PDB file of N, CA and C in Angstrom:
ATOM      1  N   UNK A   1      93.318 150.992 119.505  1.00  0.00           N
ATOM      2  CA  UNK A   1      93.225 152.571 118.952  1.00  0.00           C
ATOM      3  C   UNK A   1      94.272 152.657 118.065  1.00  0.00           C
ATOM      4  N   UNK A   2      93.769 153.162 116.844  1.00  0.00           N
ATOM      5  CA  UNK A   2      94.796 153.305 115.619  1.00  0.00           C
ATOM      6  C   UNK A   2      95.710 154.314 115.686  1.00  0.00           C
ATOM      7  N   UNK A   3      96.742 154.374 114.811  1.00  0.00           N
ATOM      8  CA  UNK A   3      97.669 155.605 114.865  1.00  0.00           C
ATOM      9  C   UNK A   3      97.127 156.287 113.630  1.00  0.00           C
ATOM     10  N   UNK A   4      97.417 157.724 113.710  1.00  0.00           N
ATOM     11  CA  UNK A   4      97.107 158.564 112.549  1.00  0.00           C
ATOM     12  C   UNK A   4      98.313 158.361 111.591  1.00  0.00           C
ATOM     13  N   UNK A   5      97.947 158.546 110.179  1.00  0.00           N
ATOM     14  CA  UNK A   5      99.003 158.127 109.270  1.00  0.00           C
ATOM     15  C   UNK A   5      99.572 159.546 109.050  1.00  0.00           C
ATOM     16  N   UNK A   6     100.971 159.529 109.014  1.00  0.00           N
ATOM     17  CA  UNK A   6     101.535 160.472 108.545  1.00  0.00           C
ATOM     18  C   UNK A   6     101.837 160.985 107.056  1.00  0.00           C
ATOM     19  N   UNK A   7     101.510 162.004 106.931  1.00  0.00           N
ATOM     20  CA  UNK A   7     101.566 162.556 105.503  1.00  0.00           C
ATOM     21  C   UNK A   7     103.009 162.622 105.087  1.00  0.00           C
ATOM     22  N   UNK A   8     103.197 162.526 103.976  1.00  0.00           N
ATOM     23  CA  UNK A   8     104.435 162.494 103.171  1.00  0.00           C
ATOM     24  C   UNK A   8     104.566 163.555 102.198  1.00  0.00           C
ATOM     25  N   UNK A   9     105.213 164.772 102.383  1.00  0.00           N
ATOM     26  CA  UNK A   9     105.118 165.938 101.661  1.00  0.00           C
ATOM     27  C   UNK A   9     105.767 165.592 100.416  1.00  0.00           C
ATOM     28  N   UNK A  10     106.969 165.043 100.510  1.00  0.00           N
ATOM     29  CA  UNK A  10     107.909 164.988  99.375  1.00  0.00           C
ATOM     30  C   UNK A  10     107.666 163.495  98.811  1.00  0.00           C
ATOM     31  N   UNK A  11     106.435 162.986  98.509  1.00  0.00           N
ATOM     32  CA  UNK A  11     106.244 161.925  98.089  1.00  0.00           C
ATOM     33  C   UNK A  11     106.786 161.759  96.631  1.00  0.00           C
ATOM     34  N   UNK A  12     106.413 162.719  95.753  1.00  0.00           N
ATOM     35  CA  UNK A  12     106.880 162.729  94.156  1.00  0.00           C
ATOM     36  C   UNK A  12     108.407 162.540  94.240  1.00  0.00           C
ATOM     37  N   UNK A  13     109.173 163.245  95.196  1.00  0.00           N
ATOM     38  CA  UNK A  13     110.706 163.101  95.070  1.00  0.00           C
ATOM     39  C   UNK A  13     110.996 161.600  95.096  1.00  0.00           C
ATOM     40  N   UNK A  14     110.478 161.141  96.429  1.00  0.00           N
ATOM     41  CA  UNK A  14     110.728 159.718  96.685  1.00  0.00           C
ATOM     42  C   UNK A  14     110.372 158.847  95.627  1.00  0.00           C
ATOM     43  N   UNK A  15     109.488 158.927  94.994  1.00  0.00           N
ATOM     44  CA  UNK A  15     109.072 157.904  93.946  1.00  0.00           C
ATOM     45  C   UNK A  15     110.021 158.360  92.586  1.00  0.00           C
ATOM     46  N   UNK A  16     110.491 159.316  92.373  1.00  0.00           N
ATOM     47  CA  UNK A  16     111.370 159.695  91.218  1.00  0.00           C
ATOM     48  C   UNK A  16     112.703 159.026  91.507  1.00  0.00           C
ATOM     49  N   UNK A  17     113.078 159.214  92.768  1.00  0.00           N
ATOM     50  CA  UNK A  17     114.470 158.638  93.146  1.00  0.00           C
ATOM     51  C   UNK A  17     114.400 157.119  93.126  1.00  0.00           C
ATOM     52  N   UNK A  18     113.326 156.671  93.143  1.00  0.00           N
ATOM     53  CA  UNK A  18     113.318 155.194  93.415  1.00  0.00           C
ATOM     54  C   UNK A  18     113.320 154.446  94.611  1.00  0.00           C
ATOM     55  N   UNK A  19     113.177 155.362  95.905  1.00  0.00           N
ATOM     56  CA  UNK A  19     113.298 155.303  97.148  1.00  0.00           C
ATOM     57  C   UNK A  19     111.845 154.606  97.635  1.00  0.00           C
ATOM     58  N   UNK A  20     110.778 155.103  97.019  1.00  0.00           N
ATOM     59  CA  UNK A  20     109.378 154.592  97.356  1.00  0.00           C
ATOM     60  C   UNK A  20     108.743 153.946  95.895  1.00  0.00           C
ATOM     61  N   UNK A  21     108.693 152.742  96.182  1.00  0.00           N
ATOM     62  CA  UNK A  21     108.041 151.826  94.806  1.00  0.00           C
ATOM     63  C   UNK A  21     106.634 151.789  94.841  1.00  0.00           C
ATOM     64  N   UNK A  22     105.941 151.910  95.989  1.00  0.00           N
ATOM     65  CA  UNK A  22     104.518 151.691  96.078  1.00  0.00           C
ATOM     66  C   UNK A  22     103.944 152.867  96.793  1.00  0.00           C
ATOM     67  N   UNK A  23     102.473 153.161  96.238  1.00  0.00           N
ATOM     68  CA  UNK A  23     101.826 154.471  97.142  1.00  0.00           C
ATOM     69  C   UNK A  23     100.484 153.654  97.247  1.00  0.00           C
ATOM     70  N   UNK A  24      99.914 154.352  98.111  1.00  0.00           N
ATOM     71  CA  UNK A  24      98.327 154.228  98.250  1.00  0.00           C
ATOM     72  C   UNK A  24      97.535 154.953  97.620  1.00  0.00           C
ATOM     73  N   UNK A  25      96.334 154.858  97.384  1.00  0.00           N
ATOM     74  CA  UNK A  25      95.528 155.475  96.333  1.00  0.00           C
ATOM     75  C   UNK A  25      95.508 157.056  96.563  1.00  0.00           C
ATOM     76  N   UNK A  26      95.455 157.433  97.737  1.00  0.00           N
ATOM     77  CA  UNK A  26      95.423 158.993  97.766  1.00  0.00           C
ATOM     78  C   UNK A  26      96.562 159.502  97.355  1.00  0.00           C
ATOM     79  N   UNK A  27      97.854 158.783  97.536  1.00  0.00           N
ATOM     80  CA  UNK A  27      99.069 159.442  96.979  1.00  0.00           C
ATOM     81  C   UNK A  27      99.161 159.314  95.486  1.00  0.00           C
ATOM     82  N   UNK A  28      98.737 158.244  95.158  1.00  0.00           N
ATOM     83  CA  UNK A  28      98.703 158.130  93.611  1.00  0.00           C
ATOM     84  C   UNK A  28      97.912 159.142  92.795  1.00  0.00           C
ATOM     85  N   UNK A  29      96.719 159.425  93.404  1.00  0.00           N
ATOM     86  CA  UNK A  29      95.816 160.618  92.572  1.00  0.00           C
ATOM     87  C   UNK A  29      96.569 161.897  92.666  1.00  0.00           C
ATOM     88  N   UNK A  30      97.238 162.083  93.777  1.00  0.00           N
ATOM     89  CA  UNK A  30      98.007 163.368  93.738  1.00  0.00           C
ATOM     90  C   UNK A  30      99.242 163.319  92.727  1.00  0.00           C
ATOM     91  N   UNK A  31     100.003 162.203  92.712  1.00  0.00           N
ATOM     92  CA  UNK A  31     101.238 161.889  91.817  1.00  0.00           C
ATOM     93  C   UNK A  31     100.836 162.188  90.487  1.00  0.00           C
ATOM     94  N   UNK A  32      99.863 161.344  90.047  1.00  0.00           N
ATOM     95  CA  UNK A  32      99.417 161.313  88.726  1.00  0.00           C
ATOM     96  C   UNK A  32      98.378 162.194  88.305  1.00  0.00           C
ATOM     97  N   UNK A  33      98.015 163.184  89.082  1.00  0.00           N
ATOM     98  CA  UNK A  33      96.989 164.086  88.795  1.00  0.00           C
ATOM     99  C   UNK A  33      95.605 163.481  88.122  1.00  0.00           C
ATOM    100  N   UNK A  34      94.864 162.428  88.842  1.00  0.00           N
ATOM    101  CA  UNK A  34      93.783 161.696  88.546  1.00  0.00           C
ATOM    102  C   UNK A  34      92.785 162.132  89.559  1.00  0.00           C
ATOM    103  N   UNK A  35      91.701 161.603  89.246  1.00  0.00           N
ATOM    104  CA  UNK A  35      90.613 161.309  90.380  1.00  0.00           C
ATOM    105  C   UNK A  35      90.754 160.102  90.914  1.00  0.00           C
ATOM    106  N   UNK A  36      90.114 159.968  91.975  1.00  0.00           N
ATOM    107  CA  UNK A  36      90.350 158.633  92.863  1.00  0.00           C
ATOM    108  C   UNK A  36      89.859 157.312  92.027  1.00  0.00           C
ATOM    109  N   UNK A  37      88.604 157.677  91.360  1.00  0.00           N
ATOM    110  CA  UNK A  37      87.891 156.335  90.455  1.00  0.00           C
ATOM    111  C   UNK A  37      88.905 156.196  89.319  1.00  0.00           C
ATOM    112  N   UNK A  38      89.430 157.066  88.651  1.00  0.00           N
ATOM    113  CA  UNK A  38      90.213 157.037  87.542  1.00  0.00           C
ATOM    114  C   UNK A  38      91.391 156.260  87.828  1.00  0.00           C
ATOM    115  N   UNK A  39      92.183 156.681  88.929  1.00  0.00           N
ATOM    116  CA  UNK A  39      93.322 156.126  89.303  1.00  0.00           C
ATOM    117  C   UNK A  39      93.204 154.629  89.534  1.00  0.00           C
ATOM    118  N   UNK A  40      92.036 154.257  90.254  1.00  0.00           N
ATOM    119  CA  UNK A  40      91.897 152.806  90.857  1.00  0.00           C
ATOM    120  C   UNK A  40      91.566 152.127  89.415  1.00  0.00           C
ATOM    121  N   UNK A  41      90.851 152.537  88.413  1.00  0.00           N
ATOM    122  CA  UNK A  41      90.447 151.791  87.292  1.00  0.00           C
ATOM    123  C   UNK A  41      92.061 151.651  86.556  1.00  0.00           C
ATOM    124  N   UNK A  42      92.798 152.749  86.356  1.00  0.00           N
ATOM    125  CA  UNK A  42      94.147 152.527  85.856  1.00  0.00           C
ATOM    126  C   UNK A  42      94.979 151.629  86.419  1.00  0.00           C
ATOM    127  N   UNK A  43      95.172 151.893  87.686  1.00  0.00           N
ATOM    128  CA  UNK A  43      95.830 150.726  88.516  1.00  0.00           C
ATOM    129  C   UNK A  43      95.401 149.321  88.276  1.00  0.00           C
ATOM    130  N   UNK A  44      94.197 148.950  87.971  1.00  0.00           N
ATOM    131  CA  UNK A  44      93.643 147.813  87.921  1.00  0.00           C
ATOM    132  C   UNK A  44      94.128 147.133  86.593  1.00  0.00           C
ATOM    133  N   UNK A  45      93.819 147.899  85.658  1.00  0.00           N
ATOM    134  CA  UNK A  45      94.113 147.793  84.154  1.00  0.00           C
ATOM    135  C   UNK A  45      95.645 147.400  84.045  1.00  0.00           C
ATOM    136  N   UNK A  46      96.606 148.141  84.751  1.00  0.00           N
ATOM    137  CA  UNK A  46      97.745 147.903  84.884  1.00  0.00           C
ATOM    138  C   UNK A  46      98.299 146.724  85.607  1.00  0.00           C
ATOM    139  N   UNK A  47      97.454 146.264  86.302  1.00  0.00           N
ATOM    140  CA  UNK A  47      98.010 145.084  87.108  1.00  0.00           C
ATOM    141  C   UNK A  47      98.649 145.254  88.178  1.00  0.00           C
ATOM    142  N   UNK A  48      98.661 146.538  88.454  1.00  0.00           N
ATOM    143  CA  UNK A  48      99.546 147.193  89.648  1.00  0.00           C
ATOM    144  C   UNK A  48      99.115 147.245  90.995  1.00  0.00           C
ATOM    145  N   UNK A  49      98.249 146.884  91.158  1.00  0.00           N
ATOM    146  CA  UNK A  49      97.153 146.769  92.541  1.00  0.00           C
ATOM    147  C   UNK A  49      97.711 145.276  93.495  1.00  0.00           C
ATOM    148  N   UNK A  50      98.150 145.874  94.576  1.00  0.00           N
ATOM    149  CA  UNK A  50      98.740 144.711  95.534  1.00  0.00           C
ATOM    150  C   UNK A  50      98.134 144.932  96.961  1.00  0.00           C
ATOM    151  N   UNK A  51      97.341 143.916  97.529  1.00  0.00           N
ATOM    152  CA  UNK A  51      96.600 144.137  98.569  1.00  0.00           C
ATOM    153  C   UNK A  51      97.366 143.532  99.775  1.00  0.00           C
ATOM    154  N   UNK A  52      97.785 143.989 100.833  1.00  0.00           N
ATOM    155  CA  UNK A  52      98.388 143.489 101.926  1.00  0.00           C
ATOM    156  C   UNK A  52      97.360 143.932 103.087  1.00  0.00           C
ATOM    157  N   UNK A  53      96.704 142.790 103.641  1.00  0.00           N
ATOM    158  CA  UNK A  53      96.005 142.533 104.611  1.00  0.00           C
ATOM    159  C   UNK A  53      94.642 143.873 104.441  1.00  0.00           C
ATOM    160  N   UNK A  54      94.753 145.063 104.847  1.00  0.00           N
ATOM    161  CA  UNK A  54      93.446 145.846 104.745  1.00  0.00           C
ATOM    162  C   UNK A  54      93.995 146.951 103.960  1.00  0.00           C
ATOM    163  N   UNK A  55      95.359 147.062 103.589  1.00  0.00           N
ATOM    164  CA  UNK A  55      95.966 147.897 102.767  1.00  0.00           C
ATOM    165  C   UNK A  55      96.172 147.764 101.455  1.00  0.00           C
ATOM    166  N   UNK A  56      95.701 148.698 100.605  1.00  0.00           N
ATOM    167  CA  UNK A  56      95.714 148.520  99.009  1.00  0.00           C
ATOM    168  C   UNK A  56      97.201 149.370  98.608  1.00  0.00           C
ATOM    169  N   UNK A  57      98.060 148.859  97.856  1.00  0.00           N
ATOM    170  CA  UNK A  57      99.272 149.343  97.523  1.00  0.00           C
ATOM    171  C   UNK A  57      99.253 149.394  95.987  1.00  0.00           C
ATOM    172  N   UNK A  58      99.789 150.244  95.344  1.00  0.00           N
ATOM    173  CA  UNK A  58      99.890 150.547  93.701  1.00  0.00           C
ATOM    174  C   UNK A  58     101.449 150.586  93.467  1.00  0.00           C
ATOM    175  N   UNK A  59     101.813 149.882  92.380  1.00  0.00           N
ATOM    176  CA  UNK A  59     103.177 149.973  92.022  1.00  0.00           C
ATOM    177  C   UNK A  59     103.353 150.989  91.077  1.00  0.00           C
ATOM    178  N   UNK A  60     103.949 151.701  91.299  1.00  0.00           N
ATOM    179  CA  UNK A  60     104.151 153.037  90.397  1.00  0.00           C
ATOM    180  C   UNK A  60     104.751 152.790  88.963  1.00  0.00           C
ATOM    181  N   UNK A  61     105.810 151.974  88.977  1.00  0.00           N
ATOM    182  CA  UNK A  61     106.357 151.830  87.862  1.00  0.00           C
ATOM    183  C   UNK A  61     105.605 151.090  86.880  1.00  0.00           C
ATOM    184  N   UNK A  62     104.722 149.974  87.213  1.00  0.00           N
ATOM    185  CA  UNK A  62     103.734 149.617  86.575  1.00  0.00           C
ATOM    186  C   UNK A  62     102.990 150.299  85.736  1.00  0.00           C
ATOM    187  N   UNK A  63     102.310 151.529  86.465  1.00  0.00           N
ATOM    188  CA  UNK A  63     101.377 152.591  85.917  1.00  0.00           C
ATOM    189  C   UNK A  63     101.890 153.189  84.928  1.00  0.00           C
ATOM    190  N   UNK A  64     103.192 153.647  85.431  1.00  0.00           N
ATOM    191  CA  UNK A  64     104.023 154.595  84.393  1.00  0.00           C
ATOM    192  C   UNK A  64     104.184 153.855  83.100  1.00  0.00           C
ATOM    193  N   UNK A  65     104.674 152.681  83.122  1.00  0.00           N
ATOM    194  CA  UNK A  65     104.647 151.568  81.882  1.00  0.00           C
ATOM    195  C   UNK A  65     103.460 151.663  81.262  1.00  0.00           C
ATOM    196  N   UNK A  66     102.397 151.438  81.759  1.00  0.00           N
ATOM    197  CA  UNK A  66     101.170 151.036  81.267  1.00  0.00           C
ATOM    198  C   UNK A  66     100.542 152.293  80.578  1.00  0.00           C
ATOM    199  N   UNK A  67     100.874 153.444  81.048  1.00  0.00           N
ATOM    200  CA  UNK A  67     100.625 154.767  80.431  1.00  0.00           C
ATOM    201  C   UNK A  67     101.436 155.215  79.322  1.00  0.00           C
ATOM    202  N   UNK A  68     102.753 154.825  79.382  1.00  0.00           N
ATOM    203  CA  UNK A  68     103.563 155.182  78.212  1.00  0.00           C
ATOM    204  C   UNK A  68     103.222 154.305  77.110  1.00  0.00           C
ATOM    205  N   UNK A  69     102.516 152.814  77.222  1.00  0.00           N
ATOM    206  CA  UNK A  69     102.155 152.074  76.481  1.00  0.00           C
ATOM    207  C   UNK A  69     100.954 152.712  75.636  1.00  0.00           C
ATOM    208  N   UNK A  70     100.053 152.944  76.643  1.00  0.00           N
ATOM    209  CA  UNK A  70      98.568 153.652  76.172  1.00  0.00           C
ATOM    210  C   UNK A  70      98.956 154.993  75.146  1.00  0.00           C
ATOM    211  N   UNK A  71      99.797 155.587  75.592  1.00  0.00           N
ATOM    212  CA  UNK A  71     100.203 156.976  74.704  1.00  0.00           C
ATOM    213  C   UNK A  71     100.702 156.597  73.509  1.00  0.00           C
ATOM    214  N   UNK A  72     101.754 155.616  73.432  1.00  0.00           N
ATOM    215  CA  UNK A  72     102.614 155.229  72.163  1.00  0.00           C
ATOM    216  C   UNK A  72     101.522 154.601  71.105  1.00  0.00           C
ATOM    217  N   UNK A  73     100.508 153.773  71.832  1.00  0.00           N
ATOM    218  CA  UNK A  73      99.550 153.210  70.853  1.00  0.00           C
ATOM    219  C   UNK A  73      98.591 154.220  70.405  1.00  0.00           C
ATOM    220  N   UNK A  74      98.124 154.878  71.229  1.00  0.00           N
ATOM    221  CA  UNK A  74      97.281 156.113  70.638  1.00  0.00           C
ATOM    222  C   UNK A  74      97.892 156.981  69.915  1.00  0.00           C
ATOM    223  N   UNK A  75      99.084 157.357  69.941  1.00  0.00           N
ATOM    224  CA  UNK A  75      99.882 158.123  68.928  1.00  0.00           C
ATOM    225  C   UNK A  75     100.025 157.716  67.699  1.00  0.00           C
ATOM    226  N   UNK A  76     100.211 156.065  67.536  1.00  0.00           N
ATOM    227  CA  UNK A  76     100.431 155.487  66.390  1.00  0.00           C
ATOM    228  C   UNK A  76      98.893 155.634  65.449  1.00  0.00           C
ATOM    229  N   UNK A  77      97.994 155.333  66.236  1.00  0.00           N
ATOM    230  CA  UNK A  77      96.656 155.332  65.794  1.00  0.00           C
ATOM    231  C   UNK A  77      96.232 156.546  65.106  1.00  0.00           C
ATOM    232  N   UNK A  78      96.699 157.493  65.415  1.00  0.00           N
ATOM    233  CA  UNK A  78      96.230 159.102  65.158  1.00  0.00           C
ATOM    234  C   UNK A  78      96.897 159.275  63.730  1.00  0.00           C
TER     235      UNK A  78
END
């Protein structure tokens, strides 16, 4: 019998303070205000996906850096 996962209401504060470096897909979609499919695509493009057994974790710092680079590159092109 599996254990139910406890929801972390203050995920955003934990990530911003540096206490939490990795999130699951559902937490990441809330954190970055994206849909699940888009978040999975961005995480994969950023190279931020880590698989541990049957759990997929995403490195938040790598996604933030990736999005910052994308914004900067598009900003220069415009």
